[in-house]
N, C-alpha and C. Protein backbone atom coordinates (compact mmCIF):
# COMPACT_ATOMS: atom_id res chain seq x y z
N MET A 1 0.84 -1.19 0.00
CA MET A 1 0.00 0.00 0.00
C MET A 1 0.89 1.25 0.00
N GLY A 2 0.55 2.21 -0.86
CA GLY A 2 1.36 3.41 -0.98
C GLY A 2 1.31 4.28 0.26
N ALA A 3 2.33 5.14 0.39
CA ALA A 3 2.42 6.02 1.56
C ALA A 3 1.21 6.94 1.65
N ILE A 4 0.75 7.42 0.49
CA ILE A 4 -0.39 8.35 0.52
C ILE A 4 -1.65 7.67 1.05
N ILE A 5 -1.83 6.40 0.71
CA ILE A 5 -3.02 5.67 1.20
C ILE A 5 -2.98 5.55 2.72
N ASN A 6 -1.79 5.28 3.24
CA ASN A 6 -1.65 5.19 4.71
C ASN A 6 -2.00 6.51 5.38
N GLU A 7 -1.52 7.62 4.78
CA GLU A 7 -1.81 8.94 5.35
C GLU A 7 -3.31 9.26 5.28
N VAL A 8 -3.91 8.94 4.13
CA VAL A 8 -5.34 9.19 3.96
C VAL A 8 -6.16 8.34 4.92
N LYS A 9 -5.77 7.07 5.05
CA LYS A 9 -6.51 6.17 5.93
C LYS A 9 -6.46 6.67 7.38
N GLU A 10 -5.29 7.07 7.81
CA GLU A 10 -5.13 7.58 9.18
C GLU A 10 -5.97 8.85 9.39
N HIS A 11 -5.93 9.74 8.41
CA HIS A 11 -6.68 11.00 8.49
C HIS A 11 -8.19 10.75 8.53
N CYS A 12 -8.68 9.88 7.65
CA CYS A 12 -10.12 9.61 7.57
C CYS A 12 -10.62 8.87 8.80
N GLN A 13 -9.82 7.94 9.31
CA GLN A 13 -10.23 7.23 10.53
C GLN A 13 -10.34 8.21 11.69
N LYS A 14 -9.45 9.20 11.70
CA LYS A 14 -9.51 10.23 12.75
C LYS A 14 -10.79 11.06 12.60
N LEU A 15 -11.10 11.46 11.35
CA LEU A 15 -12.32 12.24 11.10
C LEU A 15 -13.57 11.47 11.55
N LEU A 16 -13.56 10.16 11.32
CA LEU A 16 -14.73 9.34 11.64
C LEU A 16 -14.82 8.99 13.13
N THR A 17 -13.68 8.72 13.75
CA THR A 17 -13.72 8.28 15.15
C THR A 17 -13.81 9.44 16.14
N GLN A 18 -13.44 10.64 15.68
CA GLN A 18 -13.49 11.80 16.59
C GLN A 18 -14.69 12.69 16.29
N SER A 19 -15.73 12.09 15.75
CA SER A 19 -16.96 12.83 15.45
C SER A 19 -18.14 11.93 15.79
N ARG A 20 -19.34 12.39 15.45
CA ARG A 20 -20.53 11.59 15.76
C ARG A 20 -20.54 10.25 15.00
N CYS A 21 -19.71 10.14 13.97
CA CYS A 21 -19.63 8.88 13.22
C CYS A 21 -19.18 7.72 14.11
N SER A 22 -18.51 8.06 15.22
CA SER A 22 -18.01 7.00 16.11
C SER A 22 -19.15 6.23 16.76
N VAL A 23 -20.36 6.83 16.81
CA VAL A 23 -21.50 6.14 17.43
C VAL A 23 -22.57 5.75 16.42
N LEU A 24 -22.33 5.99 15.15
CA LEU A 24 -23.33 5.61 14.14
C LEU A 24 -23.30 4.10 13.92
N PRO A 25 -24.45 3.44 13.99
CA PRO A 25 -24.48 1.99 13.84
C PRO A 25 -24.09 1.50 12.43
N PHE A 26 -24.47 2.26 11.38
CA PHE A 26 -24.19 1.80 10.02
C PHE A 26 -23.01 2.54 9.39
N HIS A 27 -23.08 3.87 9.36
CA HIS A 27 -22.02 4.66 8.72
C HIS A 27 -20.84 4.83 9.68
N SER A 28 -20.21 3.72 9.97
CA SER A 28 -19.11 3.66 10.93
C SER A 28 -17.78 3.53 10.19
N VAL A 29 -16.70 3.51 10.97
CA VAL A 29 -15.38 3.25 10.38
C VAL A 29 -15.40 1.90 9.67
N GLN A 30 -16.10 0.93 10.25
CA GLN A 30 -16.16 -0.41 9.64
C GLN A 30 -16.75 -0.35 8.23
N HIS A 31 -17.82 0.42 8.05
CA HIS A 31 -18.43 0.55 6.72
C HIS A 31 -17.41 1.14 5.74
N THR A 32 -16.72 2.19 6.17
CA THR A 32 -15.71 2.82 5.30
C THR A 32 -14.63 1.84 4.90
N LEU A 33 -14.14 1.06 5.86
CA LEU A 33 -13.08 0.09 5.56
C LEU A 33 -13.59 -1.04 4.66
N GLU A 34 -14.86 -1.39 4.81
CA GLU A 34 -15.45 -2.40 3.92
C GLU A 34 -15.54 -1.86 2.49
N VAL A 35 -15.96 -0.61 2.33
CA VAL A 35 -16.03 -0.02 0.99
C VAL A 35 -14.63 0.08 0.38
N PHE A 36 -13.64 0.41 1.21
CA PHE A 36 -12.24 0.46 0.79
C PHE A 36 -11.81 -0.90 0.22
N GLU A 37 -12.14 -1.98 0.94
CA GLU A 37 -11.79 -3.33 0.47
C GLU A 37 -12.59 -3.70 -0.78
N ASN A 38 -13.84 -3.26 -0.82
CA ASN A 38 -14.70 -3.57 -1.97
C ASN A 38 -14.17 -2.93 -3.26
N VAL A 39 -13.68 -1.68 -3.16
CA VAL A 39 -13.16 -1.05 -4.39
C VAL A 39 -11.91 -1.78 -4.85
N GLN A 40 -11.12 -2.27 -3.92
CA GLN A 40 -9.93 -3.04 -4.29
C GLN A 40 -10.33 -4.32 -5.03
N THR A 41 -11.34 -5.00 -4.51
CA THR A 41 -11.82 -6.24 -5.13
C THR A 41 -12.31 -6.00 -6.55
N ILE A 42 -13.15 -4.98 -6.71
CA ILE A 42 -13.71 -4.71 -8.05
C ILE A 42 -12.64 -4.16 -8.99
N ALA A 43 -11.77 -3.30 -8.48
CA ALA A 43 -10.69 -2.74 -9.31
C ALA A 43 -9.79 -3.84 -9.84
N HIS A 44 -9.48 -4.83 -9.00
CA HIS A 44 -8.65 -5.95 -9.41
C HIS A 44 -9.36 -6.75 -10.51
N TYR A 45 -10.64 -7.01 -10.32
CA TYR A 45 -11.44 -7.76 -11.29
C TYR A 45 -11.50 -7.01 -12.62
N GLU A 46 -11.66 -5.69 -12.55
CA GLU A 46 -11.80 -4.88 -13.77
C GLU A 46 -10.44 -4.50 -14.37
N LYS A 47 -9.35 -5.00 -13.75
CA LYS A 47 -7.98 -4.80 -14.25
C LYS A 47 -7.61 -3.32 -14.38
N LEU A 48 -7.86 -2.57 -13.33
CA LEU A 48 -7.51 -1.15 -13.34
C LEU A 48 -6.01 -0.96 -13.10
N SER A 49 -5.50 0.19 -13.50
CA SER A 49 -4.10 0.52 -13.26
C SER A 49 -3.92 0.86 -11.77
N ALA A 50 -2.66 0.92 -11.34
CA ALA A 50 -2.36 1.25 -9.94
C ALA A 50 -2.87 2.65 -9.61
N GLU A 51 -2.73 3.59 -10.55
CA GLU A 51 -3.18 4.97 -10.31
C GLU A 51 -4.70 5.04 -10.17
N GLU A 52 -5.41 4.33 -11.03
CA GLU A 52 -6.89 4.32 -10.97
C GLU A 52 -7.35 3.70 -9.65
N THR A 53 -6.69 2.62 -9.27
CA THR A 53 -7.04 1.95 -8.01
C THR A 53 -6.80 2.87 -6.82
N GLU A 54 -5.70 3.60 -6.87
CA GLU A 54 -5.38 4.54 -5.78
C GLU A 54 -6.45 5.62 -5.65
N VAL A 55 -6.91 6.15 -6.78
CA VAL A 55 -7.98 7.17 -6.77
C VAL A 55 -9.22 6.60 -6.08
N LEU A 56 -9.57 5.37 -6.42
CA LEU A 56 -10.74 4.72 -5.82
C LEU A 56 -10.56 4.47 -4.33
N GLU A 57 -9.39 4.04 -3.95
CA GLU A 57 -9.12 3.77 -2.52
C GLU A 57 -9.26 5.06 -1.71
N ILE A 58 -8.70 6.15 -2.23
CA ILE A 58 -8.79 7.43 -1.53
C ILE A 58 -10.24 7.89 -1.44
N ALA A 59 -10.96 7.76 -2.56
CA ALA A 59 -12.38 8.17 -2.57
C ALA A 59 -13.19 7.34 -1.57
N ALA A 60 -12.90 6.05 -1.50
CA ALA A 60 -13.62 5.18 -0.57
C ALA A 60 -13.38 5.61 0.88
N LEU A 61 -12.15 5.96 1.19
CA LEU A 61 -11.82 6.36 2.57
C LEU A 61 -12.49 7.68 2.96
N PHE A 62 -12.64 8.57 2.00
CA PHE A 62 -13.24 9.88 2.28
C PHE A 62 -14.76 9.91 2.12
N HIS A 63 -15.36 8.92 1.45
CA HIS A 63 -16.71 9.11 0.91
C HIS A 63 -17.80 9.41 1.94
N ASP A 64 -17.62 8.98 3.19
CA ASP A 64 -18.64 9.27 4.21
C ASP A 64 -18.16 10.20 5.32
N THR A 65 -17.00 10.81 5.14
CA THR A 65 -16.46 11.68 6.21
C THR A 65 -17.36 12.89 6.44
N GLY A 66 -18.11 13.30 5.42
CA GLY A 66 -19.01 14.45 5.56
C GLY A 66 -20.15 14.20 6.52
N ILE A 67 -20.45 12.93 6.78
CA ILE A 67 -21.54 12.60 7.72
C ILE A 67 -21.19 13.08 9.13
N SER A 68 -19.92 13.36 9.36
CA SER A 68 -19.52 13.89 10.67
C SER A 68 -20.20 15.23 10.95
N SER A 69 -20.63 15.93 9.88
CA SER A 69 -21.32 17.21 10.10
C SER A 69 -22.76 17.24 9.60
N THR A 70 -23.09 16.44 8.58
CA THR A 70 -24.47 16.45 8.09
C THR A 70 -24.79 15.16 7.34
N TYR A 71 -26.07 14.81 7.31
CA TYR A 71 -26.52 13.67 6.51
C TYR A 71 -26.81 14.13 5.10
N SER A 72 -27.70 15.12 5.02
CA SER A 72 -28.16 15.59 3.72
C SER A 72 -27.04 16.30 2.98
N GLY A 73 -26.69 15.78 1.81
CA GLY A 73 -25.62 16.39 1.01
C GLY A 73 -24.23 16.17 1.58
N HIS A 74 -24.06 15.10 2.36
CA HIS A 74 -22.75 14.87 2.97
C HIS A 74 -21.67 14.57 1.94
N GLU A 75 -22.08 14.11 0.76
CA GLU A 75 -21.09 13.76 -0.28
C GLU A 75 -20.26 14.99 -0.69
N GLU A 76 -20.93 16.15 -0.76
CA GLU A 76 -20.25 17.40 -1.12
C GLU A 76 -19.18 17.75 -0.08
N ILE A 77 -19.54 17.59 1.20
CA ILE A 77 -18.59 17.87 2.28
C ILE A 77 -17.45 16.85 2.26
N SER A 78 -17.78 15.59 2.01
CA SER A 78 -16.75 14.54 1.93
C SER A 78 -15.76 14.86 0.81
N ALA A 79 -16.29 15.31 -0.33
CA ALA A 79 -15.44 15.65 -1.47
C ALA A 79 -14.54 16.84 -1.13
N ASN A 80 -15.10 17.82 -0.42
CA ASN A 80 -14.30 18.98 -0.01
C ASN A 80 -13.23 18.58 1.01
N ASN A 81 -13.57 17.64 1.90
CA ASN A 81 -12.58 17.12 2.86
C ASN A 81 -11.39 16.52 2.11
N ALA A 82 -11.71 15.76 1.07
CA ALA A 82 -10.66 15.13 0.26
C ALA A 82 -9.82 16.19 -0.44
N HIS A 83 -10.49 17.18 -1.01
CA HIS A 83 -9.80 18.25 -1.75
C HIS A 83 -8.79 18.97 -0.84
N LEU A 84 -9.24 19.33 0.35
CA LEU A 84 -8.37 20.05 1.29
C LEU A 84 -7.14 19.22 1.67
N PHE A 85 -7.40 17.99 2.05
CA PHE A 85 -6.30 17.14 2.55
C PHE A 85 -5.32 16.79 1.42
N LEU A 86 -5.86 16.40 0.27
CA LEU A 86 -4.99 15.99 -0.84
C LEU A 86 -4.19 17.16 -1.41
N SER A 87 -4.80 18.34 -1.39
CA SER A 87 -4.08 19.54 -1.87
C SER A 87 -2.88 19.82 -0.98
N GLU A 88 -3.08 19.67 0.32
CA GLU A 88 -1.98 19.88 1.28
C GLU A 88 -0.84 18.89 1.05
N LEU A 89 -1.22 17.69 0.60
CA LEU A 89 -0.20 16.66 0.34
C LEU A 89 0.47 16.84 -1.03
N GLY A 90 -0.05 17.79 -1.83
CA GLY A 90 0.52 18.01 -3.15
C GLY A 90 0.10 16.96 -4.17
N TYR A 91 -1.04 16.34 -3.94
CA TYR A 91 -1.57 15.34 -4.88
C TYR A 91 -1.97 16.04 -6.18
N ALA A 92 -1.83 15.35 -7.29
CA ALA A 92 -2.09 15.96 -8.60
C ALA A 92 -3.53 16.47 -8.71
N PRO A 93 -3.73 17.73 -9.14
CA PRO A 93 -5.08 18.30 -9.25
C PRO A 93 -6.04 17.46 -10.09
N LYS A 94 -5.54 16.86 -11.16
CA LYS A 94 -6.38 16.02 -12.02
C LYS A 94 -6.91 14.82 -11.24
N LEU A 95 -6.05 14.23 -10.42
CA LEU A 95 -6.45 13.06 -9.63
C LEU A 95 -7.38 13.46 -8.48
N ILE A 96 -7.14 14.65 -7.91
CA ILE A 96 -8.04 15.15 -6.86
C ILE A 96 -9.45 15.30 -7.42
N ALA A 97 -9.55 15.83 -8.65
CA ALA A 97 -10.85 16.01 -9.29
C ALA A 97 -11.54 14.66 -9.48
N GLU A 98 -10.77 13.64 -9.86
CA GLU A 98 -11.34 12.29 -10.04
C GLU A 98 -11.84 11.73 -8.71
N VAL A 99 -11.05 11.93 -7.66
CA VAL A 99 -11.45 11.47 -6.32
C VAL A 99 -12.77 12.14 -5.93
N MET A 100 -12.85 13.45 -6.12
CA MET A 100 -14.05 14.20 -5.75
C MET A 100 -15.27 13.73 -6.54
N ASN A 101 -15.08 13.49 -7.83
CA ASN A 101 -16.20 13.01 -8.67
C ASN A 101 -16.68 11.63 -8.23
N CYS A 102 -15.73 10.78 -7.84
CA CYS A 102 -16.10 9.44 -7.35
C CYS A 102 -16.93 9.55 -6.06
N ILE A 103 -16.51 10.42 -5.16
CA ILE A 103 -17.25 10.60 -3.90
C ILE A 103 -18.66 11.10 -4.18
N LYS A 104 -18.77 12.11 -5.04
CA LYS A 104 -20.08 12.70 -5.35
C LYS A 104 -21.01 11.70 -6.04
N ALA A 105 -20.40 10.76 -6.77
CA ALA A 105 -21.20 9.75 -7.50
C ALA A 105 -21.94 8.80 -6.56
N THR A 106 -21.50 8.72 -5.30
CA THR A 106 -22.16 7.79 -4.36
C THR A 106 -23.48 8.36 -3.83
N GLN A 107 -23.76 9.61 -4.15
CA GLN A 107 -25.03 10.21 -3.69
C GLN A 107 -26.22 9.49 -4.33
N MET A 108 -27.26 9.28 -3.52
CA MET A 108 -28.48 8.63 -4.01
C MET A 108 -29.40 9.64 -4.67
N PRO A 109 -30.06 9.29 -5.79
CA PRO A 109 -29.86 8.05 -6.55
C PRO A 109 -28.53 8.09 -7.32
N GLN A 110 -27.87 6.96 -7.36
CA GLN A 110 -26.57 6.90 -8.02
C GLN A 110 -26.70 7.13 -9.54
N ARG A 111 -25.82 8.02 -10.04
CA ARG A 111 -25.78 8.24 -11.49
C ARG A 111 -24.33 8.33 -11.94
N PRO A 112 -23.58 7.24 -11.82
CA PRO A 112 -22.15 7.29 -12.19
C PRO A 112 -21.96 7.48 -13.70
N LYS A 113 -20.90 8.23 -14.05
CA LYS A 113 -20.64 8.52 -15.47
C LYS A 113 -19.39 7.81 -16.00
N THR A 114 -18.44 7.53 -15.12
CA THR A 114 -17.17 6.92 -15.55
C THR A 114 -17.02 5.53 -14.94
N GLN A 115 -16.03 4.80 -15.42
CA GLN A 115 -15.79 3.46 -14.87
C GLN A 115 -15.45 3.53 -13.38
N LEU A 116 -14.63 4.52 -12.99
CA LEU A 116 -14.26 4.64 -11.57
C LEU A 116 -15.49 4.95 -10.72
N GLU A 117 -16.34 5.83 -11.22
CA GLU A 117 -17.56 6.17 -10.49
C GLU A 117 -18.49 4.95 -10.38
N ARG A 118 -18.56 4.17 -11.44
CA ARG A 118 -19.40 2.96 -11.40
C ARG A 118 -18.88 1.98 -10.35
N ILE A 119 -17.56 1.88 -10.25
CA ILE A 119 -16.96 0.94 -9.30
C ILE A 119 -17.24 1.35 -7.86
N ILE A 120 -17.05 2.63 -7.54
CA ILE A 120 -17.28 3.03 -6.14
C ILE A 120 -18.76 2.95 -5.78
N CYS A 121 -19.63 3.18 -6.74
CA CYS A 121 -21.06 3.04 -6.46
C CYS A 121 -21.41 1.60 -6.09
N ASP A 122 -20.87 0.65 -6.83
CA ASP A 122 -21.13 -0.76 -6.53
C ASP A 122 -20.45 -1.17 -5.22
N ALA A 123 -19.27 -0.61 -4.96
CA ALA A 123 -18.55 -0.93 -3.72
C ALA A 123 -19.33 -0.43 -2.50
N ASP A 124 -19.97 0.73 -2.65
CA ASP A 124 -20.72 1.32 -1.53
C ASP A 124 -21.98 0.52 -1.21
N LEU A 125 -22.55 -0.12 -2.24
CA LEU A 125 -23.78 -0.91 -2.03
C LEU A 125 -23.53 -2.42 -2.16
N PHE A 126 -22.29 -2.80 -1.96
CA PHE A 126 -21.88 -4.21 -1.97
C PHE A 126 -22.72 -5.02 -0.99
N HIS A 127 -23.07 -4.40 0.15
CA HIS A 127 -23.77 -5.12 1.22
C HIS A 127 -25.18 -5.58 0.80
N LEU A 128 -25.71 -5.03 -0.30
CA LEU A 128 -27.03 -5.48 -0.76
C LEU A 128 -26.99 -6.95 -1.16
N SER A 129 -25.79 -7.44 -1.45
CA SER A 129 -25.65 -8.85 -1.83
C SER A 129 -24.95 -9.67 -0.74
N SER A 130 -24.88 -9.09 0.45
CA SER A 130 -24.19 -9.76 1.54
C SER A 130 -25.13 -10.69 2.30
N LYS A 131 -24.55 -11.74 2.87
CA LYS A 131 -25.33 -12.63 3.74
C LYS A 131 -25.70 -11.90 5.03
N GLU A 132 -25.03 -10.77 5.30
CA GLU A 132 -25.32 -9.97 6.49
C GLU A 132 -26.26 -8.80 6.16
N TYR A 133 -26.88 -8.86 5.00
CA TYR A 133 -27.71 -7.73 4.55
C TYR A 133 -28.78 -7.34 5.57
N ILE A 134 -29.52 -8.32 6.09
CA ILE A 134 -30.62 -8.02 7.02
C ILE A 134 -30.07 -7.34 8.28
N LEU A 135 -28.95 -7.84 8.78
CA LEU A 135 -28.32 -7.24 9.96
C LEU A 135 -27.90 -5.80 9.67
N LYS A 136 -27.24 -5.59 8.54
CA LYS A 136 -26.78 -4.24 8.19
C LYS A 136 -27.97 -3.30 7.98
N ASN A 137 -29.02 -3.85 7.44
CA ASN A 137 -30.23 -3.07 7.19
C ASN A 137 -30.85 -2.59 8.50
N GLU A 138 -30.81 -3.46 9.51
CA GLU A 138 -31.34 -3.08 10.82
C GLU A 138 -30.45 -2.03 11.50
N LEU A 139 -29.16 -2.08 11.23
CA LEU A 139 -28.24 -1.06 11.75
C LEU A 139 -28.57 0.30 11.13
N LEU A 140 -28.89 0.29 9.84
CA LEU A 140 -29.27 1.53 9.16
C LEU A 140 -30.60 2.06 9.71
N ARG A 141 -31.52 1.14 9.97
CA ARG A 141 -32.82 1.54 10.53
C ARG A 141 -32.65 2.21 11.90
N LEU A 142 -31.78 1.62 12.72
CA LEU A 142 -31.50 2.17 14.04
C LEU A 142 -30.84 3.55 13.91
N GLU A 143 -29.94 3.66 12.96
CA GLU A 143 -29.25 4.94 12.74
C GLU A 143 -30.23 6.04 12.32
N TRP A 144 -31.13 5.71 11.40
CA TRP A 144 -32.13 6.69 10.95
C TRP A 144 -33.04 7.10 12.11
N LYS A 145 -33.37 6.12 12.96
CA LYS A 145 -34.26 6.40 14.10
C LYS A 145 -33.58 7.32 15.12
N THR A 146 -32.34 6.99 15.47
CA THR A 146 -31.67 7.72 16.56
C THR A 146 -31.02 9.02 16.11
N HIS A 147 -30.66 9.13 14.84
CA HIS A 147 -29.91 10.32 14.40
C HIS A 147 -30.66 11.17 13.38
N MET A 148 -31.74 10.65 12.80
CA MET A 148 -32.51 11.43 11.84
C MET A 148 -33.98 11.54 12.23
N ASN A 149 -34.32 10.88 13.33
CA ASN A 149 -35.71 10.86 13.81
C ASN A 149 -36.67 10.31 12.75
N CYS A 150 -36.16 9.36 11.95
CA CYS A 150 -37.00 8.67 10.95
C CYS A 150 -37.38 7.31 11.53
N ILE A 151 -38.64 7.16 11.89
CA ILE A 151 -39.09 5.93 12.54
C ILE A 151 -40.10 5.22 11.65
N PHE A 152 -39.84 3.96 11.37
CA PHE A 152 -40.68 3.18 10.47
C PHE A 152 -41.32 2.00 11.20
N ALA A 153 -42.59 1.75 10.90
CA ALA A 153 -43.22 0.49 11.31
C ALA A 153 -42.57 -0.62 10.48
N ASP A 154 -42.59 -1.84 11.00
CA ASP A 154 -41.93 -2.96 10.30
C ASP A 154 -42.35 -3.04 8.84
N HIS A 155 -43.66 -3.04 8.59
CA HIS A 155 -44.13 -3.22 7.22
C HIS A 155 -43.61 -2.11 6.30
N ASP A 156 -43.65 -0.89 6.78
CA ASP A 156 -43.18 0.25 5.96
C ASP A 156 -41.69 0.14 5.68
N TRP A 157 -40.93 -0.30 6.67
CA TRP A 157 -39.48 -0.44 6.50
C TRP A 157 -39.17 -1.54 5.49
N TYR A 158 -39.83 -2.69 5.65
CA TYR A 158 -39.57 -3.80 4.73
C TYR A 158 -39.99 -3.44 3.30
N ARG A 159 -41.11 -2.74 3.17
CA ARG A 159 -41.57 -2.35 1.83
C ARG A 159 -40.60 -1.35 1.19
N LEU A 160 -40.13 -0.38 1.97
CA LEU A 160 -39.16 0.61 1.48
C LEU A 160 -37.91 -0.08 0.95
N ASN A 161 -37.39 -1.03 1.72
CA ASN A 161 -36.14 -1.70 1.34
C ASN A 161 -36.34 -2.74 0.24
N PHE A 162 -37.51 -3.37 0.23
CA PHE A 162 -37.84 -4.28 -0.87
C PHE A 162 -37.86 -3.50 -2.19
N ASP A 163 -38.52 -2.35 -2.18
CA ASP A 163 -38.59 -1.52 -3.39
C ASP A 163 -37.20 -1.03 -3.81
N PHE A 164 -36.40 -0.66 -2.81
CA PHE A 164 -35.04 -0.18 -3.12
C PHE A 164 -34.22 -1.29 -3.79
N LEU A 165 -34.26 -2.48 -3.21
CA LEU A 165 -33.53 -3.62 -3.79
C LEU A 165 -34.01 -3.94 -5.20
N LEU A 166 -35.32 -3.90 -5.37
CA LEU A 166 -35.92 -4.25 -6.65
C LEU A 166 -35.51 -3.27 -7.74
N ASN A 167 -35.40 -1.99 -7.39
CA ASN A 167 -35.09 -0.96 -8.37
C ASN A 167 -33.59 -0.72 -8.54
N HIS A 168 -32.79 -1.31 -7.66
CA HIS A 168 -31.34 -1.13 -7.73
C HIS A 168 -30.73 -2.01 -8.81
N HIS A 169 -29.71 -1.49 -9.48
CA HIS A 169 -28.93 -2.35 -10.39
C HIS A 169 -27.45 -2.02 -10.23
N TYR A 170 -26.64 -3.05 -10.31
CA TYR A 170 -25.19 -2.85 -10.24
C TYR A 170 -24.70 -2.27 -11.56
N HIS A 171 -23.65 -1.45 -11.47
CA HIS A 171 -23.17 -0.71 -12.64
C HIS A 171 -21.98 -1.36 -13.33
N THR A 172 -21.29 -2.26 -12.62
CA THR A 172 -20.08 -2.87 -13.18
C THR A 172 -20.34 -4.32 -13.60
N GLU A 173 -19.45 -4.82 -14.41
CA GLU A 173 -19.53 -6.23 -14.81
C GLU A 173 -19.39 -7.12 -13.58
N TYR A 174 -18.49 -6.72 -12.67
CA TYR A 174 -18.31 -7.49 -11.44
C TYR A 174 -19.63 -7.56 -10.67
N GLY A 175 -20.27 -6.43 -10.54
CA GLY A 175 -21.53 -6.39 -9.80
C GLY A 175 -22.58 -7.29 -10.42
N ARG A 176 -22.69 -7.20 -11.74
CA ARG A 176 -23.72 -8.00 -12.43
C ARG A 176 -23.43 -9.50 -12.37
N LEU A 177 -22.15 -9.86 -12.48
CA LEU A 177 -21.80 -11.29 -12.52
C LEU A 177 -21.57 -11.91 -11.14
N MET A 178 -21.04 -11.12 -10.21
CA MET A 178 -20.63 -11.68 -8.92
C MET A 178 -21.55 -11.32 -7.74
N LEU A 179 -22.31 -10.25 -7.88
CA LEU A 179 -23.11 -9.78 -6.74
C LEU A 179 -24.61 -9.95 -6.93
N GLU A 180 -25.06 -9.90 -8.16
CA GLU A 180 -26.50 -9.87 -8.43
C GLU A 180 -27.23 -11.10 -7.90
N GLU A 181 -26.62 -12.27 -8.03
CA GLU A 181 -27.29 -13.51 -7.61
C GLU A 181 -27.61 -13.50 -6.12
N GLU A 182 -26.62 -13.09 -5.29
CA GLU A 182 -26.86 -13.01 -3.85
C GLU A 182 -27.88 -11.93 -3.52
N LYS A 183 -27.86 -10.84 -4.30
CA LYS A 183 -28.83 -9.77 -4.05
C LYS A 183 -30.25 -10.27 -4.28
N GLN A 184 -30.43 -11.12 -5.28
CA GLN A 184 -31.75 -11.68 -5.56
C GLN A 184 -32.27 -12.49 -4.38
N LYS A 185 -31.37 -13.17 -3.68
CA LYS A 185 -31.76 -13.92 -2.48
C LYS A 185 -32.25 -12.96 -1.39
N ASN A 186 -31.58 -11.80 -1.29
CA ASN A 186 -31.99 -10.81 -0.28
C ASN A 186 -33.32 -10.15 -0.66
N ILE A 187 -33.57 -10.04 -1.96
CA ILE A 187 -34.87 -9.52 -2.42
C ILE A 187 -35.97 -10.48 -1.97
N ALA A 188 -35.74 -11.77 -2.17
CA ALA A 188 -36.73 -12.79 -1.77
C ALA A 188 -36.94 -12.77 -0.25
N LEU A 189 -35.84 -12.60 0.48
CA LEU A 189 -35.91 -12.55 1.94
C LEU A 189 -36.69 -11.32 2.41
N MET A 190 -36.43 -10.18 1.78
CA MET A 190 -37.13 -8.95 2.15
C MET A 190 -38.61 -9.03 1.78
N GLN A 191 -38.91 -9.69 0.67
CA GLN A 191 -40.31 -9.86 0.28
C GLN A 191 -41.05 -10.71 1.32
N LYS A 192 -40.36 -11.74 1.81
CA LYS A 192 -40.95 -12.62 2.83
C LYS A 192 -41.23 -11.82 4.11
N LEU A 193 -40.28 -11.01 4.54
CA LEU A 193 -40.46 -10.19 5.74
C LEU A 193 -41.60 -9.18 5.54
N LYS A 194 -41.66 -8.61 4.35
CA LYS A 194 -42.69 -7.64 4.03
C LYS A 194 -44.07 -8.29 4.07
N ASP A 195 -44.17 -9.46 3.45
CA ASP A 195 -45.46 -10.15 3.40
C ASP A 195 -45.90 -10.63 4.79
N GLU A 196 -44.93 -11.13 5.58
CA GLU A 196 -45.25 -11.61 6.92
C GLU A 196 -45.68 -10.47 7.84
N SER A 197 -45.13 -9.29 7.60
CA SER A 197 -45.47 -8.15 8.47
C SER A 197 -46.88 -7.62 8.20
N CYS A 198 -47.50 -8.10 7.12
CA CYS A 198 -48.89 -7.72 6.80
C CYS A 198 -49.88 -8.56 7.59
N ASP A 199 -49.43 -9.75 8.01
CA ASP A 199 -50.38 -10.70 8.65
C ASP A 199 -50.89 -10.17 9.99
């Protein structure tokens, strides 16, 4: 791992652990590190260059740092956090712009334009195809309840997430070939929970 990645990782972990992110159930340091690993996995599969992979790794580490100050529009703050820190390190302006665009691309609804943006979008929503999806989903529900005052009845929550899964599509070849099948299992699971909550 390059020296710059180590510096970025240390800086971002500090931003996340010394702010309200330290108590967030879903948008935690763990989520950031998982997205970091996910971009590496997809970048390797898509045969990206070392420079492209580095841009993605940096973007992954910064992508949720803005949540330390706000939920709504946090991607813009995360991108600015990256711009400030990378500029101080003398990182190439062209690469800083790519990092910022990757971070902004993770905003919902996702509309990635480049290969790097498509990869980070899939890396950020990798958990939709995880065997731990239901657990992670409940962590997000708890986070919305305690930090955004968004409280859902079971049926409404399951329906919201069933619809989200149903309308979501992966943007990369890796996502379509390696993640979609497991996501379909989670769609079936969420449909079951949704239907059972009607009884």
